[in-house]
N, C-alpha and C. Protein backbone atom coordinates (compact mmCIF):
# COMPACT_ATOMS: atom_id res chain seq x y z
N UNK A 1 13.78 -4.25 -11.11
CA UNK A 1 13.60 -3.48 -9.85
C UNK A 1 14.20 -2.13 -9.97
N UNK A 2 13.46 -1.16 -9.50
CA UNK A 2 13.92 0.19 -9.47
C UNK A 2 14.13 0.56 -8.00
N UNK A 3 15.27 1.17 -7.68
CA UNK A 3 15.54 1.60 -6.31
C UNK A 3 15.57 3.16 -6.28
N UNK A 4 14.56 3.74 -5.72
CA UNK A 4 14.51 5.23 -5.54
C UNK A 4 15.04 5.48 -4.14
N UNK A 5 15.59 6.76 -4.04
CA UNK A 5 16.03 7.19 -2.71
C UNK A 5 15.35 8.53 -2.35
N UNK A 6 15.10 8.69 -1.09
CA UNK A 6 14.57 9.98 -0.65
C UNK A 6 15.74 10.94 -0.34
N UNK A 7 15.43 12.14 0.01
CA UNK A 7 16.48 13.12 0.24
C UNK A 7 17.39 12.71 1.39
N UNK A 8 16.91 11.82 2.29
CA UNK A 8 17.72 11.31 3.40
C UNK A 8 18.25 9.96 3.15
N UNK A 9 18.26 9.55 1.90
CA UNK A 9 18.81 8.21 1.42
C UNK A 9 17.98 7.04 1.97
N UNK A 10 16.70 7.20 2.18
CA UNK A 10 15.87 6.13 2.59
C UNK A 10 15.38 5.41 1.30
N UNK A 11 15.25 4.07 1.41
CA UNK A 11 14.92 3.30 0.23
C UNK A 11 13.46 3.05 -0.16
N UNK A 12 13.22 3.11 -1.40
CA UNK A 12 11.93 2.76 -2.03
C UNK A 12 12.28 1.78 -3.12
N UNK A 13 11.77 0.53 -3.08
CA UNK A 13 12.04 -0.41 -4.07
C UNK A 13 10.74 -0.69 -4.87
N UNK A 14 10.76 -0.61 -6.18
CA UNK A 14 9.63 -0.81 -7.01
C UNK A 14 9.88 -2.07 -7.94
N UNK A 15 8.93 -2.98 -7.84
CA UNK A 15 8.97 -4.21 -8.60
C UNK A 15 7.78 -4.30 -9.50
N UNK A 16 8.00 -4.49 -10.80
CA UNK A 16 6.89 -4.58 -11.78
C UNK A 16 6.69 -6.05 -12.17
N UNK A 17 5.46 -6.41 -12.60
CA UNK A 17 5.20 -7.71 -13.10
C UNK A 17 5.55 -8.83 -12.07
N UNK A 18 5.11 -8.66 -10.95
CA UNK A 18 5.52 -9.53 -9.80
C UNK A 18 4.72 -10.88 -9.80
N UNK A 19 3.46 -10.79 -10.12
CA UNK A 19 2.64 -12.04 -9.91
C UNK A 19 2.21 -12.56 -11.24
N UNK A 20 1.90 -13.84 -11.29
CA UNK A 20 1.40 -14.56 -12.46
C UNK A 20 -0.09 -14.22 -12.62
N UNK A 21 -0.63 -14.37 -13.85
CA UNK A 21 -1.98 -13.90 -14.13
C UNK A 21 -2.98 -14.58 -13.21
N UNK A 22 -2.88 -15.90 -12.97
CA UNK A 22 -3.86 -16.57 -12.07
C UNK A 22 -3.78 -16.07 -10.67
N UNK A 23 -2.61 -15.66 -10.20
CA UNK A 23 -2.43 -15.15 -8.87
C UNK A 23 -3.12 -13.72 -8.75
N UNK A 24 -2.84 -12.85 -9.85
CA UNK A 24 -3.49 -11.52 -9.84
C UNK A 24 -5.06 -11.66 -9.83
N UNK A 25 -5.56 -12.56 -10.54
CA UNK A 25 -7.05 -12.70 -10.60
C UNK A 25 -7.59 -13.19 -9.30
N UNK A 26 -6.92 -14.19 -8.65
CA UNK A 26 -7.31 -14.69 -7.33
C UNK A 26 -7.35 -13.55 -6.30
N UNK A 27 -6.27 -12.74 -6.25
CA UNK A 27 -6.23 -11.64 -5.29
C UNK A 27 -7.24 -10.61 -5.59
N UNK A 28 -7.42 -10.26 -6.92
CA UNK A 28 -8.42 -9.27 -7.30
C UNK A 28 -9.84 -9.67 -6.82
N UNK A 29 -10.20 -10.90 -7.09
CA UNK A 29 -11.55 -11.33 -6.68
C UNK A 29 -11.69 -11.47 -5.18
N UNK A 30 -10.60 -11.71 -4.45
CA UNK A 30 -10.63 -11.77 -2.98
C UNK A 30 -10.93 -10.33 -2.47
N UNK A 31 -10.33 -9.35 -3.08
CA UNK A 31 -10.55 -7.97 -2.74
C UNK A 31 -11.97 -7.58 -3.02
N UNK A 32 -12.51 -7.90 -4.18
CA UNK A 32 -13.91 -7.61 -4.49
C UNK A 32 -14.93 -8.24 -3.50
N UNK A 33 -14.60 -9.37 -2.97
CA UNK A 33 -15.48 -10.05 -2.02
C UNK A 33 -15.25 -9.64 -0.57
N UNK A 34 -14.29 -8.78 -0.31
CA UNK A 34 -14.01 -8.35 1.04
C UNK A 34 -15.11 -7.40 1.58
N UNK A 35 -15.10 -7.29 2.87
CA UNK A 35 -16.08 -6.45 3.57
C UNK A 35 -15.46 -5.10 3.90
N UNK A 36 -15.90 -4.14 3.15
CA UNK A 36 -15.38 -2.79 3.27
C UNK A 36 -16.21 -2.01 4.38
N UNK A 37 -15.53 -1.13 5.09
CA UNK A 37 -16.25 -0.28 6.04
C UNK A 37 -15.70 1.13 6.00
N UNK A 38 -16.42 1.99 6.61
CA UNK A 38 -15.97 3.40 6.73
C UNK A 38 -14.81 3.56 7.76
N UNK A 39 -14.00 4.56 7.61
CA UNK A 39 -13.02 4.95 8.54
C UNK A 39 -11.81 3.95 8.64
N UNK A 40 -11.51 3.25 7.65
CA UNK A 40 -10.31 2.41 7.64
C UNK A 40 -9.17 3.35 7.14
N UNK A 41 -8.41 3.89 8.14
CA UNK A 41 -7.36 4.80 7.82
C UNK A 41 -5.97 4.21 8.09
N UNK A 42 -4.98 4.82 7.38
CA UNK A 42 -3.61 4.38 7.60
C UNK A 42 -3.05 4.95 8.87
N UNK A 43 -3.69 5.99 9.42
CA UNK A 43 -3.13 6.73 10.54
C UNK A 43 -4.23 7.00 11.49
N UNK A 44 -3.91 6.98 12.82
CA UNK A 44 -4.83 7.21 13.84
C UNK A 44 -4.80 8.63 14.38
N UNK A 45 -4.18 9.52 13.66
CA UNK A 45 -4.04 10.88 14.06
C UNK A 45 -5.38 11.54 14.11
N UNK A 46 -5.81 12.06 15.25
CA UNK A 46 -7.13 12.70 15.39
C UNK A 46 -7.28 13.95 14.52
N UNK A 47 -6.18 14.59 14.29
CA UNK A 47 -6.18 15.80 13.43
C UNK A 47 -6.66 15.50 11.98
N UNK A 48 -6.53 14.26 11.59
CA UNK A 48 -6.80 13.86 10.20
C UNK A 48 -8.21 13.25 10.06
N UNK A 49 -8.96 13.17 11.15
CA UNK A 49 -10.30 12.63 11.14
C UNK A 49 -11.28 13.77 10.94
N UNK A 50 -11.63 14.04 9.72
CA UNK A 50 -12.62 15.08 9.40
C UNK A 50 -13.69 14.46 8.51
N UNK A 51 -14.66 15.29 8.26
CA UNK A 51 -15.68 14.80 7.33
C UNK A 51 -15.16 14.51 5.93
N UNK A 52 -13.94 15.02 5.64
CA UNK A 52 -13.37 14.80 4.34
C UNK A 52 -12.44 13.58 4.32
N UNK A 53 -12.22 13.00 5.47
CA UNK A 53 -11.29 11.86 5.50
C UNK A 53 -12.02 10.50 5.55
N UNK A 54 -13.31 10.47 5.44
CA UNK A 54 -14.02 9.25 5.49
C UNK A 54 -13.79 8.44 4.21
N UNK A 55 -13.16 7.33 4.37
CA UNK A 55 -12.84 6.45 3.19
C UNK A 55 -13.30 5.03 3.54
N UNK A 56 -13.50 4.22 2.46
CA UNK A 56 -13.85 2.86 2.63
C UNK A 56 -12.60 2.07 2.52
N UNK A 57 -12.50 1.06 3.32
CA UNK A 57 -11.32 0.17 3.31
C UNK A 57 -11.63 -1.09 3.96
N UNK A 58 -10.67 -1.96 4.11
CA UNK A 58 -10.87 -3.27 4.78
C UNK A 58 -9.59 -3.65 5.44
N UNK A 59 -9.72 -4.05 6.69
CA UNK A 59 -8.54 -4.52 7.40
C UNK A 59 -8.71 -6.08 7.45
N UNK A 60 -7.64 -6.74 6.94
CA UNK A 60 -7.61 -8.22 6.92
C UNK A 60 -7.28 -8.81 8.27
N UNK A 61 -7.97 -9.82 8.64
CA UNK A 61 -7.57 -10.64 9.81
C UNK A 61 -6.39 -11.50 9.44
N UNK A 62 -5.81 -12.19 10.43
CA UNK A 62 -4.69 -13.12 10.06
C UNK A 62 -5.15 -14.20 9.12
N UNK A 63 -6.31 -14.66 9.31
CA UNK A 63 -6.87 -15.69 8.46
C UNK A 63 -7.14 -15.13 6.99
N UNK A 64 -7.56 -13.92 6.89
CA UNK A 64 -7.73 -13.29 5.60
C UNK A 64 -6.41 -13.15 4.93
N UNK A 65 -5.34 -12.77 5.61
CA UNK A 65 -3.98 -12.58 5.00
C UNK A 65 -3.58 -13.93 4.40
N UNK A 66 -3.77 -14.97 5.10
CA UNK A 66 -3.39 -16.35 4.62
C UNK A 66 -4.19 -16.73 3.37
N UNK A 67 -5.52 -16.52 3.49
CA UNK A 67 -6.36 -16.78 2.31
C UNK A 67 -6.07 -15.95 1.08
N UNK A 68 -5.70 -14.67 1.31
CA UNK A 68 -5.35 -13.80 0.22
C UNK A 68 -4.12 -14.27 -0.46
N UNK A 69 -3.18 -14.87 0.24
CA UNK A 69 -2.03 -15.61 -0.31
C UNK A 69 -0.94 -14.69 -0.90
N UNK A 70 -0.94 -13.40 -0.69
CA UNK A 70 0.09 -12.59 -1.30
C UNK A 70 1.48 -12.97 -0.78
N UNK A 71 1.60 -13.36 0.44
CA UNK A 71 2.94 -13.72 0.99
C UNK A 71 3.41 -14.98 0.30
N UNK A 72 2.53 -15.94 0.02
CA UNK A 72 2.97 -17.12 -0.68
C UNK A 72 3.35 -16.78 -2.12
N UNK A 73 2.64 -15.84 -2.72
CA UNK A 73 2.90 -15.56 -4.16
C UNK A 73 4.15 -14.69 -4.40
N UNK A 74 4.57 -13.93 -3.34
CA UNK A 74 5.75 -13.08 -3.54
C UNK A 74 6.93 -13.89 -3.85
N UNK A 75 7.75 -13.47 -4.78
CA UNK A 75 8.94 -14.13 -5.13
C UNK A 75 9.92 -14.36 -3.93
N UNK A 76 10.58 -15.46 -3.86
CA UNK A 76 11.41 -15.81 -2.69
C UNK A 76 12.50 -14.69 -2.38
N UNK A 77 13.11 -14.14 -3.40
CA UNK A 77 14.13 -13.16 -3.23
C UNK A 77 13.54 -11.86 -2.56
N UNK A 78 12.31 -11.52 -2.86
CA UNK A 78 11.71 -10.33 -2.18
C UNK A 78 11.40 -10.69 -0.77
N UNK A 79 10.84 -11.88 -0.51
CA UNK A 79 10.52 -12.26 0.91
C UNK A 79 11.83 -12.25 1.77
N UNK A 80 12.89 -12.79 1.23
CA UNK A 80 14.11 -12.88 1.93
C UNK A 80 14.71 -11.49 2.23
N UNK A 81 14.75 -10.70 1.16
CA UNK A 81 15.38 -9.31 1.30
C UNK A 81 14.74 -8.48 2.35
N UNK A 82 13.35 -8.60 2.49
CA UNK A 82 12.58 -7.72 3.45
C UNK A 82 12.09 -8.52 4.62
N UNK A 83 12.49 -9.75 4.79
CA UNK A 83 12.07 -10.56 5.90
C UNK A 83 10.56 -10.69 6.02
N UNK A 84 9.90 -10.96 4.89
CA UNK A 84 8.49 -11.01 4.88
C UNK A 84 7.99 -12.44 5.13
N UNK A 85 7.10 -12.46 6.14
CA UNK A 85 6.54 -13.82 6.53
C UNK A 85 5.26 -13.48 7.28
N UNK A 86 4.49 -14.50 7.61
CA UNK A 86 3.33 -14.31 8.42
C UNK A 86 3.64 -13.82 9.84
N UNK A 87 4.84 -14.33 10.28
CA UNK A 87 5.25 -13.99 11.67
C UNK A 87 5.71 -12.49 11.77
N UNK A 88 6.15 -11.94 10.66
CA UNK A 88 6.64 -10.56 10.70
C UNK A 88 5.60 -9.53 10.28
N UNK A 89 4.40 -9.97 9.85
CA UNK A 89 3.32 -9.14 9.38
C UNK A 89 2.72 -8.43 10.52
N UNK A 90 2.60 -7.08 10.44
CA UNK A 90 1.96 -6.28 11.49
C UNK A 90 0.46 -6.00 11.10
N UNK A 91 0.20 -5.72 9.86
CA UNK A 91 -1.15 -5.48 9.44
C UNK A 91 -1.28 -5.58 7.91
N UNK A 92 -2.53 -5.69 7.44
CA UNK A 92 -2.80 -5.72 6.00
C UNK A 92 -4.17 -5.04 5.82
N UNK A 93 -4.18 -4.02 5.01
CA UNK A 93 -5.44 -3.29 4.68
C UNK A 93 -5.61 -3.13 3.25
N UNK A 94 -6.83 -2.95 2.78
CA UNK A 94 -7.18 -2.56 1.40
C UNK A 94 -7.48 -1.11 1.45
N UNK A 95 -6.80 -0.34 0.62
CA UNK A 95 -7.17 1.12 0.37
C UNK A 95 -8.11 1.13 -0.82
N UNK A 96 -9.23 1.70 -0.67
CA UNK A 96 -10.20 1.83 -1.73
C UNK A 96 -10.30 3.29 -2.08
N UNK A 97 -9.72 3.70 -3.23
CA UNK A 97 -9.52 5.09 -3.58
C UNK A 97 -10.51 5.57 -4.67
N UNK A 98 -11.09 6.74 -4.39
CA UNK A 98 -12.01 7.37 -5.41
C UNK A 98 -11.58 8.82 -5.60
N UNK A 99 -12.16 9.50 -6.61
CA UNK A 99 -11.82 10.89 -6.83
C UNK A 99 -12.21 11.87 -5.73
N UNK A 100 -13.09 11.49 -4.86
CA UNK A 100 -13.66 12.34 -3.79
C UNK A 100 -12.92 12.19 -2.48
N UNK A 101 -11.90 11.31 -2.39
CA UNK A 101 -11.15 11.06 -1.12
C UNK A 101 -10.21 12.12 -0.89
N UNK A 102 -9.90 12.30 0.42
CA UNK A 102 -8.72 13.16 0.79
C UNK A 102 -7.83 12.32 1.67
N UNK A 103 -6.55 12.36 1.34
CA UNK A 103 -5.57 11.59 2.13
C UNK A 103 -4.50 12.51 2.67
N UNK A 104 -4.04 12.18 3.83
CA UNK A 104 -3.11 13.03 4.54
C UNK A 104 -1.70 12.37 4.67
N UNK A 105 -0.66 13.24 4.72
CA UNK A 105 0.68 12.71 4.93
C UNK A 105 0.77 11.86 6.21
N UNK A 106 1.40 10.69 6.14
CA UNK A 106 1.62 9.88 7.33
C UNK A 106 2.80 8.93 7.04
N UNK A 107 3.24 8.26 8.02
CA UNK A 107 4.19 7.21 7.82
C UNK A 107 3.60 5.95 8.52
N UNK A 108 4.25 4.82 8.30
CA UNK A 108 3.71 3.60 8.82
C UNK A 108 4.50 2.99 10.06
N UNK A 109 5.49 3.79 10.49
CA UNK A 109 6.41 3.29 11.54
C UNK A 109 5.99 3.45 12.94
N UNK A 110 4.82 4.07 13.14
CA UNK A 110 4.38 4.35 14.55
C UNK A 110 4.24 3.12 15.38
N UNK A 111 4.01 2.00 14.80
CA UNK A 111 3.83 0.79 15.58
C UNK A 111 5.12 -0.08 15.58
N UNK A 112 6.30 0.51 15.25
CA UNK A 112 7.54 -0.17 15.34
C UNK A 112 7.82 -1.04 14.02
N UNK A 113 7.16 -0.81 13.00
CA UNK A 113 7.42 -1.63 11.80
C UNK A 113 8.66 -1.08 11.00
N UNK A 114 9.26 -1.94 10.26
CA UNK A 114 10.38 -1.62 9.49
C UNK A 114 10.10 -1.33 8.01
N UNK A 115 9.26 -2.14 7.35
CA UNK A 115 8.97 -2.05 5.92
C UNK A 115 7.47 -1.98 5.74
N UNK A 116 7.12 -1.11 4.67
CA UNK A 116 5.75 -1.12 4.21
C UNK A 116 5.73 -1.66 2.78
N UNK A 117 4.66 -2.43 2.46
CA UNK A 117 4.49 -2.93 1.14
C UNK A 117 3.20 -2.34 0.59
N UNK A 118 3.27 -1.86 -0.64
CA UNK A 118 2.05 -1.45 -1.44
C UNK A 118 1.97 -2.42 -2.61
N UNK A 119 0.76 -2.92 -2.87
CA UNK A 119 0.50 -3.71 -4.06
C UNK A 119 -0.69 -3.04 -4.75
N UNK A 120 -0.45 -2.57 -5.97
CA UNK A 120 -1.53 -1.96 -6.75
C UNK A 120 -2.32 -3.11 -7.36
N UNK A 121 -3.61 -3.31 -6.93
CA UNK A 121 -4.28 -4.48 -7.22
C UNK A 121 -5.25 -4.50 -8.43
N UNK A 122 -5.45 -3.30 -9.03
CA UNK A 122 -6.40 -3.29 -10.21
C UNK A 122 -5.69 -4.05 -11.34
N UNK A 123 -6.53 -4.68 -12.11
CA UNK A 123 -6.03 -5.44 -13.29
C UNK A 123 -5.75 -4.51 -14.47
N UNK A 124 -6.48 -3.32 -14.49
CA UNK A 124 -6.30 -2.31 -15.50
C UNK A 124 -6.30 -0.97 -14.74
N UNK A 125 -5.29 -0.10 -15.20
CA UNK A 125 -5.28 1.21 -14.66
C UNK A 125 -4.53 2.08 -15.59
N UNK A 126 -5.20 3.13 -16.07
CA UNK A 126 -4.55 4.08 -17.04
C UNK A 126 -3.87 5.24 -16.32
N UNK A 127 -2.82 5.73 -16.93
CA UNK A 127 -2.01 6.80 -16.41
C UNK A 127 -2.88 8.00 -15.99
N UNK A 128 -3.80 8.38 -16.90
CA UNK A 128 -4.59 9.55 -16.65
C UNK A 128 -5.63 9.41 -15.50
N UNK A 129 -5.70 8.21 -14.93
CA UNK A 129 -6.61 7.97 -13.87
C UNK A 129 -5.97 8.36 -12.46
N UNK A 130 -4.70 8.65 -12.44
CA UNK A 130 -4.00 9.14 -11.24
C UNK A 130 -3.87 8.13 -10.17
N UNK A 131 -4.10 8.54 -8.88
CA UNK A 131 -4.09 7.70 -7.69
C UNK A 131 -2.70 7.18 -7.39
N UNK A 132 -1.68 7.96 -7.74
CA UNK A 132 -0.26 7.61 -7.47
C UNK A 132 0.01 7.73 -6.02
N UNK A 133 1.22 7.14 -5.57
CA UNK A 133 1.60 7.33 -4.18
C UNK A 133 2.74 8.36 -4.18
N UNK A 134 2.59 9.31 -3.37
CA UNK A 134 3.61 10.36 -3.23
C UNK A 134 4.43 10.11 -1.98
N UNK A 135 5.74 10.07 -2.12
CA UNK A 135 6.64 9.90 -0.99
C UNK A 135 7.19 11.30 -0.69
N UNK A 136 7.15 11.73 0.55
CA UNK A 136 7.42 13.06 0.93
C UNK A 136 8.78 13.23 1.62
N UNK A 137 9.24 14.47 1.74
CA UNK A 137 10.37 14.79 2.52
C UNK A 137 9.97 14.64 4.03
N UNK A 138 10.94 14.48 4.86
CA UNK A 138 10.63 14.22 6.29
C UNK A 138 9.75 15.29 6.92
N UNK A 139 9.83 16.52 6.39
CA UNK A 139 9.00 17.57 7.03
C UNK A 139 7.60 17.58 6.39
N UNK A 140 7.35 16.67 5.49
CA UNK A 140 6.04 16.47 4.87
C UNK A 140 5.58 17.70 4.03
N UNK A 141 6.53 18.53 3.51
CA UNK A 141 6.14 19.73 2.81
C UNK A 141 6.40 19.64 1.31
N UNK A 142 7.25 18.62 0.93
CA UNK A 142 7.55 18.50 -0.53
C UNK A 142 7.55 17.04 -0.95
N UNK A 143 7.34 16.81 -2.21
CA UNK A 143 7.34 15.53 -2.78
C UNK A 143 8.87 15.16 -3.09
N UNK A 144 9.18 13.97 -2.55
CA UNK A 144 10.60 13.47 -2.77
C UNK A 144 10.65 12.49 -3.96
N UNK A 145 9.63 11.55 -4.02
CA UNK A 145 9.56 10.53 -5.01
C UNK A 145 8.11 10.25 -5.30
N UNK A 146 7.82 9.60 -6.40
CA UNK A 146 6.43 9.22 -6.84
C UNK A 146 6.45 7.80 -7.36
N UNK A 147 5.45 7.02 -6.89
CA UNK A 147 5.27 5.71 -7.54
C UNK A 147 3.93 5.79 -8.29
N UNK A 148 4.01 5.57 -9.60
CA UNK A 148 2.78 5.56 -10.38
C UNK A 148 2.00 4.30 -10.05
N UNK A 149 0.70 4.50 -10.03
CA UNK A 149 -0.20 3.30 -9.80
C UNK A 149 -0.21 2.52 -11.12
N UNK A 150 0.33 1.24 -11.00
CA UNK A 150 0.37 0.38 -12.15
C UNK A 150 -0.04 -0.96 -11.78
N UNK A 151 -0.87 -1.60 -12.54
CA UNK A 151 -1.24 -3.05 -12.22
C UNK A 151 -0.02 -3.90 -12.00
N UNK A 152 -0.04 -4.83 -11.06
CA UNK A 152 1.01 -5.85 -10.82
C UNK A 152 2.33 -5.19 -10.38
N UNK A 153 2.19 -4.04 -9.66
CA UNK A 153 3.34 -3.33 -9.12
C UNK A 153 3.38 -3.52 -7.63
N UNK A 154 4.59 -3.90 -7.13
CA UNK A 154 4.75 -3.98 -5.68
C UNK A 154 5.81 -2.96 -5.30
N UNK A 155 5.50 -2.11 -4.26
CA UNK A 155 6.47 -1.12 -3.80
C UNK A 155 6.74 -1.42 -2.30
N UNK A 156 8.00 -1.60 -2.06
CA UNK A 156 8.48 -1.84 -0.69
C UNK A 156 9.34 -0.62 -0.26
N UNK A 157 9.03 -0.10 0.93
CA UNK A 157 9.76 1.08 1.34
C UNK A 157 9.96 1.16 2.83
N UNK A 158 10.94 1.95 3.23
CA UNK A 158 11.20 2.17 4.66
C UNK A 158 9.97 2.77 5.28
N UNK A 159 9.40 2.14 6.28
CA UNK A 159 8.13 2.58 6.90
C UNK A 159 8.23 4.02 7.54
N UNK A 160 9.38 4.50 7.66
CA UNK A 160 9.53 5.88 8.28
C UNK A 160 9.34 7.02 7.23
N UNK A 161 9.24 6.62 5.97
CA UNK A 161 9.01 7.70 4.89
C UNK A 161 7.61 8.13 4.94
N UNK A 162 7.45 9.45 5.09
CA UNK A 162 6.08 10.02 4.96
C UNK A 162 5.59 9.85 3.59
N UNK A 163 4.27 9.55 3.42
CA UNK A 163 3.69 9.29 2.12
C UNK A 163 2.19 9.64 2.08
N UNK A 164 1.59 9.70 0.97
CA UNK A 164 0.12 9.82 0.85
C UNK A 164 -0.28 9.39 -0.49
N UNK A 165 -1.57 9.11 -0.55
CA UNK A 165 -2.19 8.66 -1.86
C UNK A 165 -2.82 9.82 -2.45
N UNK A 166 -2.60 10.05 -3.73
CA UNK A 166 -3.36 11.11 -4.45
C UNK A 166 -4.67 10.43 -4.89
N UNK A 167 -5.82 11.14 -4.74
CA UNK A 167 -7.02 10.52 -5.18
C UNK A 167 -6.99 10.29 -6.69
N UNK A 168 -7.82 9.36 -7.15
CA UNK A 168 -7.91 9.11 -8.57
C UNK A 168 -8.57 10.31 -9.21
N UNK A 169 -8.51 10.41 -10.47
CA UNK A 169 -9.13 11.49 -11.23
C UNK A 169 -10.55 11.10 -11.62
N UNK A 170 -11.32 12.11 -12.01
CA UNK A 170 -12.68 11.88 -12.37
C UNK A 170 -12.75 10.96 -13.63
N UNK A 171 -11.67 10.86 -14.37
CA UNK A 171 -11.61 10.01 -15.58
C UNK A 171 -11.57 8.55 -15.24
N UNK A 172 -11.25 8.21 -14.02
CA UNK A 172 -11.09 6.81 -13.62
C UNK A 172 -12.53 6.12 -13.71
N UNK A 173 -12.55 4.99 -14.28
CA UNK A 173 -13.83 4.31 -14.53
C UNK A 173 -14.27 3.47 -13.36
N UNK A 174 -13.38 3.25 -12.39
CA UNK A 174 -13.72 2.42 -11.22
C UNK A 174 -12.79 2.77 -10.07
N UNK A 175 -12.98 2.19 -8.97
CA UNK A 175 -12.19 2.43 -7.76
C UNK A 175 -10.70 1.90 -7.96
N UNK A 176 -9.86 2.55 -7.28
CA UNK A 176 -8.41 2.08 -7.25
C UNK A 176 -8.21 1.36 -5.94
N UNK A 177 -7.71 0.14 -6.02
CA UNK A 177 -7.50 -0.68 -4.90
C UNK A 177 -5.98 -0.92 -4.75
N UNK A 178 -5.48 -0.78 -3.52
CA UNK A 178 -4.17 -1.16 -3.20
C UNK A 178 -4.14 -1.92 -1.88
N UNK A 179 -3.18 -2.77 -1.72
CA UNK A 179 -2.94 -3.45 -0.46
C UNK A 179 -1.79 -2.77 0.21
N UNK A 180 -1.97 -2.50 1.43
CA UNK A 180 -0.92 -1.93 2.26
C UNK A 180 -0.59 -2.91 3.40
N UNK A 181 0.60 -3.43 3.45
CA UNK A 181 1.04 -4.30 4.47
C UNK A 181 2.24 -3.77 5.19
N UNK A 182 2.32 -3.95 6.49
CA UNK A 182 3.49 -3.52 7.18
C UNK A 182 4.14 -4.73 7.90
N UNK A 183 5.48 -4.57 7.98
CA UNK A 183 6.25 -5.72 8.51
C UNK A 183 7.25 -5.29 9.58
N UNK A 184 7.33 -6.08 10.66
CA UNK A 184 8.37 -5.89 11.58
C UNK A 184 9.72 -6.39 11.07
N UNK A 185 10.82 -5.91 11.61
CA UNK A 185 12.15 -6.34 11.20
C UNK A 185 12.33 -7.83 11.49
N UNK A 186 11.76 -8.31 12.66
CA UNK A 186 11.88 -9.75 12.97
C UNK A 186 10.63 -10.17 13.65
N UNK A 187 10.45 -11.48 13.90
CA UNK A 187 9.23 -12.03 14.46
C UNK A 187 9.06 -11.76 15.93
N UNK A 188 10.03 -11.26 16.58
CA UNK A 188 10.00 -11.06 18.04
C UNK A 188 9.31 -9.76 18.46
N UNK A 189 8.93 -8.89 17.44
CA UNK A 189 8.29 -7.60 17.83
C UNK A 189 6.87 -7.80 18.29
């Protein structure tokens, strides 16, 4: 586990090699079979809805989240540290990233969530293909930290940290998929 800090001492936790091979494959094929649609955005800010922000994504229903099984597959120590359960889950979406996408700075805390989880779901992803996650300063003007897009990587971070996805490069041979889940601090939210 790597613990990065923003300039305001907010936490970003990076876990590599989290899931077993059969779990990776099950989640990967679940993503491929998902129903993608236009305008699945991380943020509802009207200022960010332009002809350049049209992206494909998928929002999971509660039933989809259970069938996807990522909560069951997460190691117990991670679930306990971040209070991850079906009851504390606020949302789960698939980000489908291509070289032609535009992504804007945003945070995930607007709906009262405490933690955000990113799972890079591709089984293969080369460094030169890009599509990293940039964590920004609170004023959203500078990069504070970066998480490289790596297969079988889970990133958990304070939902108030502004961030954005860099598009993949033209060298990428396929789409970059990530799961973004958000979690309340407790089940009573």
